[in-house]
PDB file of all heavy atoms in Angstrom:
ATOM      1  N   SER A   1     -16.554  -5.385  97.849  1.00  0.00           N
ATOM      2  CA  SER A   1     -15.818  -5.024  96.637  1.00  0.00           C
ATOM      3  C   SER A   1     -16.050  -3.566  96.257  1.00  0.00           C
ATOM      4  O   SER A   1     -17.063  -2.960  96.605  1.00  0.00           O
ATOM      5  CB  SER A   1     -16.265  -5.929  95.478  1.00  0.00           C
ATOM      6  OG  SER A   1     -17.613  -5.680  95.163  1.00  0.00           O
ATOM      7  N   CYS A   2     -15.074  -2.999  95.540  1.00  0.00           N
ATOM      8  CA  CYS A   2     -15.166  -1.593  95.155  1.00  0.00           C
ATOM      9  C   CYS A   2     -16.379  -1.345  94.254  1.00  0.00           C
ATOM     10  O   CYS A   2     -16.931  -0.250  94.229  1.00  0.00           O
ATOM     11  CB  CYS A   2     -13.890  -1.150  94.460  1.00  0.00           C
ATOM     12  SG  CYS A   2     -12.460  -1.094  95.563  1.00  0.00           S
ATOM     13  N   GLU A   3     -16.801  -2.369  93.494  1.00  0.00           N
ATOM     14  CA  GLU A   3     -17.949  -2.196  92.623  1.00  0.00           C
ATOM     15  C   GLU A   3     -19.240  -2.023  93.425  1.00  0.00           C
ATOM     16  O   GLU A   3     -20.224  -1.477  92.940  1.00  0.00           O
ATOM     17  CB  GLU A   3     -18.107  -3.413  91.689  1.00  0.00           C
ATOM     18  CG  GLU A   3     -17.014  -3.545  90.641  1.00  0.00           C
ATOM     19  CD  GLU A   3     -15.744  -4.178  91.197  1.00  0.00           C
ATOM     20  OE1 GLU A   3     -15.749  -4.618  92.364  1.00  0.00           O
ATOM     21  OE2 GLU A   3     -14.740  -4.228  90.450  1.00  0.00           O
ATOM     22  N   ASP A   4     -19.216  -2.532  94.689  1.00  0.00           N
ATOM     23  CA  ASP A   4     -20.436  -2.511  95.489  1.00  0.00           C
ATOM     24  C   ASP A   4     -20.542  -1.300  96.402  1.00  0.00           C
ATOM     25  O   ASP A   4     -21.487  -1.177  97.164  1.00  0.00           O
ATOM     26  CB  ASP A   4     -20.506  -3.773  96.381  1.00  0.00           C
ATOM     27  CG  ASP A   4     -20.657  -5.035  95.562  1.00  0.00           C
ATOM     28  OD1 ASP A   4     -21.165  -4.925  94.430  1.00  0.00           O
ATOM     29  OD2 ASP A   4     -20.266  -6.107  96.044  1.00  0.00           O
ATOM     30  N   ARG A   5     -19.581  -0.397  96.340  1.00  0.00           N
ATOM     31  CA  ARG A   5     -19.610   0.705  97.285  1.00  0.00           C
ATOM     32  C   ARG A   5     -19.657   2.037  96.543  1.00  0.00           C
ATOM     33  O   ARG A   5     -19.399   2.121  95.351  1.00  0.00           O
ATOM     34  CB  ARG A   5     -18.362   0.666  98.185  1.00  0.00           C
ATOM     35  CG  ARG A   5     -17.052   0.970  97.433  1.00  0.00           C
ATOM     36  CD  ARG A   5     -15.885   1.073  98.400  1.00  0.00           C
ATOM     37  NE  ARG A   5     -14.646   1.361  97.700  1.00  0.00           N
ATOM     38  CZ  ARG A   5     -14.242   2.571  97.339  1.00  0.00           C
ATOM     39  NH1 ARG A   5     -15.012   3.620  97.607  1.00  0.00           N
ATOM     40  NH2 ARG A   5     -13.112   2.756  96.705  1.00  0.00           N
ATOM     41  N   ASP A   6     -19.993   3.073  97.312  1.00  0.00           N
ATOM     42  CA  ASP A   6     -19.852   4.421  96.784  1.00  0.00           C
ATOM     43  C   ASP A   6     -18.858   5.160  97.679  1.00  0.00           C
ATOM     44  O   ASP A   6     -18.271   4.571  98.586  1.00  0.00           O
ATOM     45  CB  ASP A   6     -21.205   5.141  96.734  1.00  0.00           C
ATOM     46  CG  ASP A   6     -21.894   5.172  98.098  1.00  0.00           C
ATOM     47  OD1 ASP A   6     -21.173   5.229  99.119  1.00  0.00           O
ATOM     48  OD2 ASP A   6     -23.136   5.155  98.128  1.00  0.00           O
ATOM     49  N   ASP A   7     -18.651   6.429  97.438  1.00  0.00           N
ATOM     50  CA  ASP A   7     -17.616   7.158  98.173  1.00  0.00           C
ATOM     51  C   ASP A   7     -17.906   7.250  99.662  1.00  0.00           C
ATOM     52  O   ASP A   7     -17.003   7.483 100.463  1.00  0.00           O
ATOM     53  CB  ASP A   7     -17.460   8.577  97.592  1.00  0.00           C
ATOM     54  CG  ASP A   7     -16.844   8.541  96.201  1.00  0.00           C
ATOM     55  OD1 ASP A   7     -16.191   7.526  95.890  1.00  0.00           O
ATOM     56  OD2 ASP A   7     -17.029   9.517  95.449  1.00  0.00           O
ATOM     57  N   SER A   8     -19.159   7.081 100.054  1.00  0.00           N
ATOM     58  CA  SER A   8     -19.504   7.178 101.468  1.00  0.00           C
ATOM     59  C   SER A   8     -19.415   5.843 102.182  1.00  0.00           C
ATOM     60  O   SER A   8     -19.659   5.755 103.373  1.00  0.00           O
ATOM     61  CB  SER A   8     -20.930   7.727 101.629  1.00  0.00           C
ATOM     62  OG  SER A   8     -21.861   6.814 101.067  1.00  0.00           O
ATOM     63  N   ASN A   9     -19.063   4.794 101.454  1.00  0.00           N
ATOM     64  CA  ASN A   9     -19.039   3.464 102.063  1.00  0.00           C
ATOM     65  C   ASN A   9     -17.745   2.749 101.673  1.00  0.00           C
ATOM     66  O   ASN A   9     -17.744   1.775 100.946  1.00  0.00           O
ATOM     67  CB  ASN A   9     -20.266   2.658 101.609  1.00  0.00           C
ATOM     68  CG  ASN A   9     -20.360   1.326 102.323  1.00  0.00           C
ATOM     69  OD1 ASN A   9     -19.796   1.152 103.390  1.00  0.00           O
ATOM     70  ND2 ASN A   9     -21.077   0.395 101.718  1.00  0.00           N
ATOM     71  N   SER A  10     -16.614   3.286 102.132  1.00  0.00           N
ATOM     72  CA  SER A  10     -15.319   2.696 101.810  1.00  0.00           C
ATOM     73  C   SER A  10     -15.213   1.305 102.398  1.00  0.00           C
ATOM     74  O   SER A  10     -15.579   1.072 103.535  1.00  0.00           O
ATOM     75  CB  SER A  10     -14.203   3.576 102.377  1.00  0.00           C
ATOM     76  OG  SER A  10     -14.266   4.862 101.808  1.00  0.00           O
ATOM     77  N   CYS A  11     -14.690   0.383 101.620  1.00  0.00           N
ATOM     78  CA  CYS A  11     -14.660  -1.002 102.074  1.00  0.00           C
ATOM     79  C   CYS A  11     -13.321  -1.399 102.648  1.00  0.00           C
ATOM     80  O   CYS A  11     -13.240  -2.269 103.495  1.00  0.00           O
ATOM     81  CB  CYS A  11     -14.994  -1.940 100.918  1.00  0.00           C
ATOM     82  SG  CYS A  11     -13.737  -1.914  99.607  1.00  0.00           S
ATOM     83  N   GLY A  12     -12.239  -0.828 102.172  1.00  0.00           N
ATOM     84  CA  GLY A  12     -10.921  -1.181 102.676  1.00  0.00           C
ATOM     85  C   GLY A  12     -10.336  -2.439 102.075  1.00  0.00           C
ATOM     86  O   GLY A  12      -9.213  -2.825 102.395  1.00  0.00           O
ATOM     87  N   ALA A  13     -11.075  -3.106 101.216  1.00  0.00           N
ATOM     88  CA  ALA A  13     -10.612  -4.390 100.699  1.00  0.00           C
ATOM     89  C   ALA A  13      -9.344  -4.259  99.874  1.00  0.00           C
ATOM     90  O   ALA A  13      -8.442  -5.090  99.964  1.00  0.00           O
ATOM     91  CB  ALA A  13     -11.717  -5.028  99.865  1.00  0.00           C
ATOM     92  N   CYS A  14      -9.238  -3.196  99.069  1.00  0.00           N
ATOM     93  CA  CYS A  14      -8.085  -3.071  98.181  1.00  0.00           C
ATOM     94  C   CYS A  14      -6.981  -2.211  98.772  1.00  0.00           C
ATOM     95  O   CYS A  14      -5.898  -2.114  98.209  1.00  0.00           O
ATOM     96  CB  CYS A  14      -8.532  -2.469  96.842  1.00  0.00           C
ATOM     97  SG  CYS A  14      -9.247  -0.812  97.025  1.00  0.00           S
ATOM     98  N   GLY A  15      -7.249  -1.582  99.906  1.00  0.00           N
ATOM     99  CA  GLY A  15      -6.235  -0.762 100.549  1.00  0.00           C
ATOM    100  C   GLY A  15      -5.994   0.571  99.883  1.00  0.00           C
ATOM    101  O   GLY A  15      -5.052   1.279 100.229  1.00  0.00           O
ATOM    102  N   SER A  16      -6.814   0.944  98.901  1.00  0.00           N
ATOM    103  CA  SER A  16      -6.587   2.189  98.172  1.00  0.00           C
ATOM    104  C   SER A  16      -7.316   3.377  98.786  1.00  0.00           C
ATOM    105  O   SER A  16      -7.140   4.503  98.350  1.00  0.00           O
ATOM    106  CB  SER A  16      -7.055   2.025  96.714  1.00  0.00           C
ATOM    107  OG  SER A  16      -8.454   1.777  96.672  1.00  0.00           O
ATOM    108  N   CYS A  17      -8.147   3.119  99.790  1.00  0.00           N
ATOM    109  CA  CYS A  17      -8.918   4.203 100.399  1.00  0.00           C
ATOM    110  C   CYS A  17      -8.131   4.757 101.587  1.00  0.00           C
ATOM    111  O   CYS A  17      -8.042   4.103 102.621  1.00  0.00           O
ATOM    112  CB  CYS A  17     -10.278   3.693 100.868  1.00  0.00           C
ATOM    113  SG  CYS A  17     -11.188   2.792  99.592  1.00  0.00           S
ATOM    114  N   GLU A  18      -7.555   5.924 101.454  1.00  0.00           N
ATOM    115  CA  GLU A  18      -6.711   6.471 102.498  1.00  0.00           C
ATOM    116  C   GLU A  18      -7.471   6.729 103.784  1.00  0.00           C
ATOM    117  O   GLU A  18      -6.895   6.747 104.858  1.00  0.00           O
ATOM    118  CB  GLU A  18      -6.054   7.767 102.001  1.00  0.00           C
ATOM    119  CG  GLU A  18      -5.062   7.546 100.866  1.00  0.00           C
ATOM    120  CD  GLU A  18      -4.401   8.849 100.442  1.00  0.00           C
ATOM    121  OE1 GLU A  18      -4.698   9.877 101.076  1.00  0.00           O
ATOM    122  OE2 GLU A  18      -3.593   8.812  99.501  1.00  0.00           O
ATOM    123  N   SER A  19      -8.763   6.928 103.674  1.00  0.00           N
ATOM    124  CA  SER A  19      -9.559   7.241 104.860  1.00  0.00           C
ATOM    125  C   SER A  19     -10.039   6.004 105.598  1.00  0.00           C
ATOM    126  O   SER A  19     -10.767   6.114 106.584  1.00  0.00           O
ATOM    127  CB  SER A  19     -10.767   8.086 104.462  1.00  0.00           C
ATOM    128  OG  SER A  19     -11.615   7.353 103.580  1.00  0.00           O
ATOM    129  N   PHE A  20      -9.616   4.822 105.134  1.00  0.00           N
ATOM    130  CA  PHE A  20     -10.116   3.593 105.742  1.00  0.00           C
ATOM    131  C   PHE A  20      -9.062   2.956 106.638  1.00  0.00           C
ATOM    132  O   PHE A  20      -7.932   2.731 106.194  1.00  0.00           O
ATOM    133  CB  PHE A  20     -10.525   2.585 104.675  1.00  0.00           C
ATOM    134  CG  PHE A  20     -11.100   1.327 105.269  1.00  0.00           C
ATOM    135  CD1 PHE A  20     -12.459   1.234 105.498  1.00  0.00           C
ATOM    136  CD2 PHE A  20     -10.283   0.266 105.629  1.00  0.00           C
ATOM    137  CE1 PHE A  20     -12.989   0.070 106.063  1.00  0.00           C
ATOM    138  CE2 PHE A  20     -10.808  -0.872 106.186  1.00  0.00           C
ATOM    139  CZ  PHE A  20     -12.170  -0.970 106.403  1.00  0.00           C
ATOM    140  N   PRO A  21      -9.418   2.563 107.843  1.00  0.00           N
ATOM    141  CA  PRO A  21     -10.598   3.067 108.542  1.00  0.00           C
ATOM    142  C   PRO A  21     -10.286   4.438 109.134  1.00  0.00           C
ATOM    143  O   PRO A  21      -9.116   4.771 109.325  1.00  0.00           O
ATOM    144  CB  PRO A  21     -10.798   2.029 109.648  1.00  0.00           C
ATOM    145  CG  PRO A  21      -9.406   1.586 109.978  1.00  0.00           C
ATOM    146  CD  PRO A  21      -8.653   1.598 108.669  1.00  0.00           C
ATOM    147  N   PRO A  22     -11.279   5.226 109.460  1.00  0.00           N
ATOM    148  CA  PRO A  22     -10.995   6.530 110.042  1.00  0.00           C
ATOM    149  C   PRO A  22     -10.407   6.395 111.442  1.00  0.00           C
ATOM    150  O   PRO A  22     -10.546   5.350 112.093  1.00  0.00           O
ATOM    151  CB  PRO A  22     -12.370   7.203 110.084  1.00  0.00           C
ATOM    152  CG  PRO A  22     -13.335   6.079 110.119  1.00  0.00           C
ATOM    153  CD  PRO A  22     -12.723   4.985 109.298  1.00  0.00           C
ATOM    154  N   SER A  23      -9.763   7.421 111.911  1.00  0.00           N
ATOM    155  CA  SER A  23      -9.248   7.419 113.278  1.00  0.00           C
ATOM    156  C   SER A  23     -10.405   7.367 114.261  1.00  0.00           C
ATOM    157  O   SER A  23     -11.452   7.996 114.039  1.00  0.00           O
ATOM    158  CB  SER A  23      -8.421   8.681 113.521  1.00  0.00           C
ATOM    159  OG  SER A  23      -8.143   8.823 114.906  1.00  0.00           O
ATOM    160  N   PRO A  24     -10.259   6.632 115.364  1.00  0.00           N
ATOM    161  CA  PRO A  24     -11.302   6.636 116.394  1.00  0.00           C
ATOM    162  C   PRO A  24     -11.645   8.040 116.886  1.00  0.00           C
ATOM    163  O   PRO A  24     -12.770   8.280 117.350  1.00  0.00           O
ATOM    164  CB  PRO A  24     -10.687   5.788 117.513  1.00  0.00           C
ATOM    165  CG  PRO A  24      -9.740   4.874 116.812  1.00  0.00           C
ATOM    166  CD  PRO A  24      -9.177   5.678 115.675  1.00  0.00           C
ATOM    167  N   ASP A  25     -10.696   8.964 116.770  1.00  0.00           N
ATOM    168  CA  ASP A  25     -10.969  10.344 117.196  1.00  0.00           C
ATOM    169  C   ASP A  25     -12.044  11.008 116.342  1.00  0.00           C
ATOM    170  O   ASP A  25     -12.648  12.006 116.762  1.00  0.00           O
ATOM    171  CB  ASP A  25      -9.688  11.182 117.127  1.00  0.00           C
ATOM    172  CG  ASP A  25      -8.645  10.728 118.142  1.00  0.00           C
ATOM    173  OD1 ASP A  25      -9.043  10.202 119.200  1.00  0.00           O
ATOM    174  OD2 ASP A  25      -7.438  10.895 117.871  1.00  0.00           O
ATOM    175  N   ASP A  26     -12.286  10.453 115.149  1.00  0.00           N
ATOM    176  CA  ASP A  26     -13.256  11.044 114.230  1.00  0.00           C
ATOM    177  C   ASP A  26     -14.595  10.304 114.225  1.00  0.00           C
ATOM    178  O   ASP A  26     -15.441  10.543 113.367  1.00  0.00           O
ATOM    179  CB  ASP A  26     -12.687  11.057 112.804  1.00  0.00           C
ATOM    180  CG  ASP A  26     -11.419  11.895 112.702  1.00  0.00           C
ATOM    181  OD1 ASP A  26     -11.332  12.914 113.417  1.00  0.00           O
ATOM    182  OD2 ASP A  26     -10.520  11.521 111.918  1.00  0.00           O
ATOM    183  N   ILE A  27     -14.761   9.390 115.172  1.00  0.00           N
ATOM    184  CA  ILE A  27     -15.970   8.555 115.219  1.00  0.00           C
ATOM    185  C   ILE A  27     -16.874   9.000 116.364  1.00  0.00           C
ATOM    186  O   ILE A  27     -16.411   9.293 117.472  1.00  0.00           O
ATOM    187  CB  ILE A  27     -15.597   7.071 115.410  1.00  0.00           C
ATOM    188  CG1 ILE A  27     -14.813   6.555 114.202  1.00  0.00           C
ATOM    189  CG2 ILE A  27     -16.833   6.216 115.638  1.00  0.00           C
ATOM    190  CD1 ILE A  27     -15.621   6.429 112.935  1.00  0.00           C
ATOM    191  N   ASP A  28     -18.169   9.029 116.123  1.00  0.00           N
ATOM    192  CA  ASP A  28     -19.157   9.236 117.183  1.00  0.00           C
ATOM    193  C   ASP A  28     -19.564   7.865 117.718  1.00  0.00           C
ATOM    194  O   ASP A  28     -20.369   7.153 117.100  1.00  0.00           O
ATOM    195  CB  ASP A  28     -20.381   9.977 116.652  1.00  0.00           C
ATOM    196  CG  ASP A  28     -20.080  11.421 116.294  1.00  0.00           C
ATOM    197  OD1 ASP A  28     -19.222  12.029 116.974  1.00  0.00           O
ATOM    198  OD2 ASP A  28     -20.687  11.931 115.342  1.00  0.00           O
ATOM    199  N   PHE A  29     -18.974   7.499 118.832  1.00  0.00           N
ATOM    200  CA  PHE A  29     -19.262   6.190 119.405  1.00  0.00           C
ATOM    201  C   PHE A  29     -20.587   6.215 120.174  1.00  0.00           C
ATOM    202  O   PHE A  29     -21.096   7.275 120.532  1.00  0.00           O
ATOM    203  CB  PHE A  29     -18.119   5.760 120.336  1.00  0.00           C
ATOM    204  CG  PHE A  29     -16.858   5.391 119.613  1.00  0.00           C
ATOM    205  CD1 PHE A  29     -15.816   6.296 119.499  1.00  0.00           C
ATOM    206  CD2 PHE A  29     -16.731   4.143 119.028  1.00  0.00           C
ATOM    207  CE1 PHE A  29     -14.651   5.964 118.826  1.00  0.00           C
ATOM    208  CE2 PHE A  29     -15.569   3.800 118.352  1.00  0.00           C
ATOM    209  CZ  PHE A  29     -14.528   4.709 118.244  1.00  0.00           C
ATOM    210  N   PRO A  30     -21.152   5.033 120.438  1.00  0.00           N
ATOM    211  CA  PRO A  30     -22.426   4.978 121.168  1.00  0.00           C
ATOM    212  C   PRO A  30     -22.325   5.639 122.538  1.00  0.00           C
ATOM    213  O   PRO A  30     -21.260   5.640 123.166  1.00  0.00           O
ATOM    214  CB  PRO A  30     -22.681   3.468 121.306  1.00  0.00           C
ATOM    215  CG  PRO A  30     -21.872   2.835 120.230  1.00  0.00           C
ATOM    216  CD  PRO A  30     -20.671   3.695 120.050  1.00  0.00           C
ATOM    217  N   GLU A  31     -23.441   6.175 122.988  1.00  0.00           N
ATOM    218  CA  GLU A  31     -23.496   6.776 124.319  1.00  0.00           C
ATOM    219  C   GLU A  31     -23.606   5.692 125.392  1.00  0.00           C
ATOM    220  O   GLU A  31     -24.095   4.586 125.141  1.00  0.00           O
ATOM    221  CB  GLU A  31     -24.699   7.721 124.423  1.00  0.00           C
ATOM    222  CG  GLU A  31     -24.659   8.892 123.448  1.00  0.00           C
ATOM    223  CD  GLU A  31     -23.560   9.896 123.786  1.00  0.00           C
ATOM    224  OE1 GLU A  31     -23.156   9.952 124.967  1.00  0.00           O
ATOM    225  OE2 GLU A  31     -23.106  10.609 122.866  1.00  0.00           O
ATOM    226  N   THR A  32     -23.164   6.044 126.589  1.00  0.00           N
ATOM    227  CA  THR A  32     -23.117   5.085 127.691  1.00  0.00           C
ATOM    228  C   THR A  32     -24.471   4.454 127.995  1.00  0.00           C
ATOM    229  O   THR A  32     -24.566   3.256 128.282  1.00  0.00           O
ATOM    230  CB  THR A  32     -22.583   5.774 128.972  1.00  0.00           C
ATOM    231  OG1 THR A  32     -21.289   6.315 128.697  1.00  0.00           O
ATOM    232  CG2 THR A  32     -22.482   4.799 130.124  1.00  0.00           C
ATOM    233  N   ASP A  33     -25.552   5.246 127.909  1.00  0.00           N
ATOM    234  CA  ASP A  33     -26.862   4.732 128.309  1.00  0.00           C
ATOM    235  C   ASP A  33     -27.633   4.067 127.175  1.00  0.00           C
ATOM    236  O   ASP A  33     -28.746   3.579 127.388  1.00  0.00           O
ATOM    237  CB  ASP A  33     -27.705   5.857 128.924  1.00  0.00           C
ATOM    238  CG  ASP A  33     -27.953   7.007 127.941  1.00  0.00           C
ATOM    239  OD1 ASP A  33     -27.249   7.072 126.910  1.00  0.00           O
ATOM    240  OD2 ASP A  33     -28.839   7.829 128.213  1.00  0.00           O
ATOM    241  N   TRP A  34     -27.062   4.013 125.980  1.00  0.00           N
ATOM    242  CA  TRP A  34     -27.733   3.317 124.884  1.00  0.00           C
ATOM    243  C   TRP A  34     -27.733   1.810 125.148  1.00  0.00           C
ATOM    244  O   TRP A  34     -26.788   1.254 125.719  1.00  0.00           O
ATOM    245  CB  TRP A  34     -27.035   3.584 123.557  1.00  0.00           C
ATOM    246  CG  TRP A  34     -27.146   4.991 123.054  1.00  0.00           C
ATOM    247  CD1 TRP A  34     -27.687   6.067 123.692  1.00  0.00           C
ATOM    248  CD2 TRP A  34     -26.661   5.475 121.791  1.00  0.00           C
ATOM    249  NE1 TRP A  34     -27.577   7.196 122.904  1.00  0.00           N
ATOM    250  CE2 TRP A  34     -26.954   6.858 121.731  1.00  0.00           C
ATOM    251  CE3 TRP A  34     -26.016   4.877 120.712  1.00  0.00           C
ATOM    252  CZ2 TRP A  34     -26.621   7.646 120.634  1.00  0.00           C
ATOM    253  CZ3 TRP A  34     -25.674   5.651 119.609  1.00  0.00           C
ATOM    254  CH2 TRP A  34     -25.981   7.020 119.571  1.00  0.00           C
ATOM    255  N   THR A  35     -28.771   1.143 124.682  1.00  0.00           N
ATOM    256  CA  THR A  35     -28.819  -0.314 124.793  1.00  0.00           C
ATOM    257  C   THR A  35     -27.822  -0.943 123.830  1.00  0.00           C
ATOM    258  O   THR A  35     -27.827  -0.649 122.640  1.00  0.00           O
ATOM    259  CB  THR A  35     -30.233  -0.838 124.499  1.00  0.00           C
ATOM    260  OG1 THR A  35     -31.141  -0.292 125.458  1.00  0.00           O
ATOM    261  CG2 THR A  35     -30.284  -2.354 124.569  1.00  0.00           C
ATOM    262  N   SER A  36     -26.963  -1.807 124.355  1.00  0.00           N
ATOM    263  CA  SER A  36     -25.944  -2.450 123.530  1.00  0.00           C
ATOM    264  C   SER A  36     -26.304  -3.885 123.165  1.00  0.00           C
ATOM    265  O   SER A  36     -25.919  -4.371 122.106  1.00  0.00           O
ATOM    266  CB  SER A  36     -24.591  -2.446 124.253  1.00  0.00           C
ATOM    267  OG  SER A  36     -24.644  -3.256 125.421  1.00  0.00           O
ATOM    268  N   GLU A  37     -27.029  -4.555 124.056  1.00  0.00           N
ATOM    269  CA  GLU A  37     -27.329  -5.962 123.799  1.00  0.00           C
ATOM    270  C   GLU A  37     -28.549  -6.399 124.605  1.00  0.00           C
ATOM    271  O   GLU A  37     -28.910  -5.782 125.622  1.00  0.00           O
ATOM    272  CB  GLU A  37     -26.137  -6.840 124.159  1.00  0.00           C
ATOM    273  CG  GLU A  37     -25.718  -6.757 125.614  1.00  0.00           C
ATOM    274  CD  GLU A  37     -24.316  -7.283 125.850  1.00  0.00           C
ATOM    275  OE1 GLU A  37     -23.445  -7.062 124.988  1.00  0.00           O
ATOM    276  OE2 GLU A  37     -24.095  -7.893 126.913  1.00  0.00           O
ATOM    277  N   ILE A  38     -29.180  -7.446 124.129  1.00  0.00           N
ATOM    278  CA  ILE A  38     -30.254  -8.107 124.859  1.00  0.00           C
ATOM    279  C   ILE A  38     -29.908  -9.587 124.900  1.00  0.00           C
ATOM    280  O   ILE A  38     -29.767 -10.221 123.849  1.00  0.00           O
ATOM    281  CB  ILE A  38     -31.621  -7.904 124.197  1.00  0.00           C
ATOM    282  CG1 ILE A  38     -31.956  -6.414 124.088  1.00  0.00           C
ATOM    283  CG2 ILE A  38     -32.705  -8.617 124.999  1.00  0.00           C
ATOM    284  CD1 ILE A  38     -33.204  -6.133 123.267  1.00  0.00           C
ATOM    285  N   MET A  39     -29.733 -10.125 126.101  1.00  0.00           N
ATOM    286  CA  MET A  39     -29.370 -11.525 126.259  1.00  0.00           C
ATOM    287  C   MET A  39     -30.564 -12.313 126.778  1.00  0.00           C
ATOM    288  O   MET A  39     -31.100 -12.005 127.843  1.00  0.00           O
ATOM    289  CB  MET A  39     -28.194 -11.671 127.217  1.00  0.00           C
ATOM    290  CG  MET A  39     -26.883 -11.165 126.658  1.00  0.00           C
ATOM    291  SD  MET A  39     -25.488 -11.689 127.672  1.00  0.00           S
ATOM    292  CE  MET A  39     -24.136 -11.256 126.571  1.00  0.00           C
TER     293      MET A  39
END
């Protein structure tokens, strides 16, 4: 909910945050050699 977030933690629930979600081009995704899972 909007009451539970601040400007750095957009929730997207109400659709009023134009930056939600950001474009994948603007995201720093995990590196190839990082551990992703332990099974």
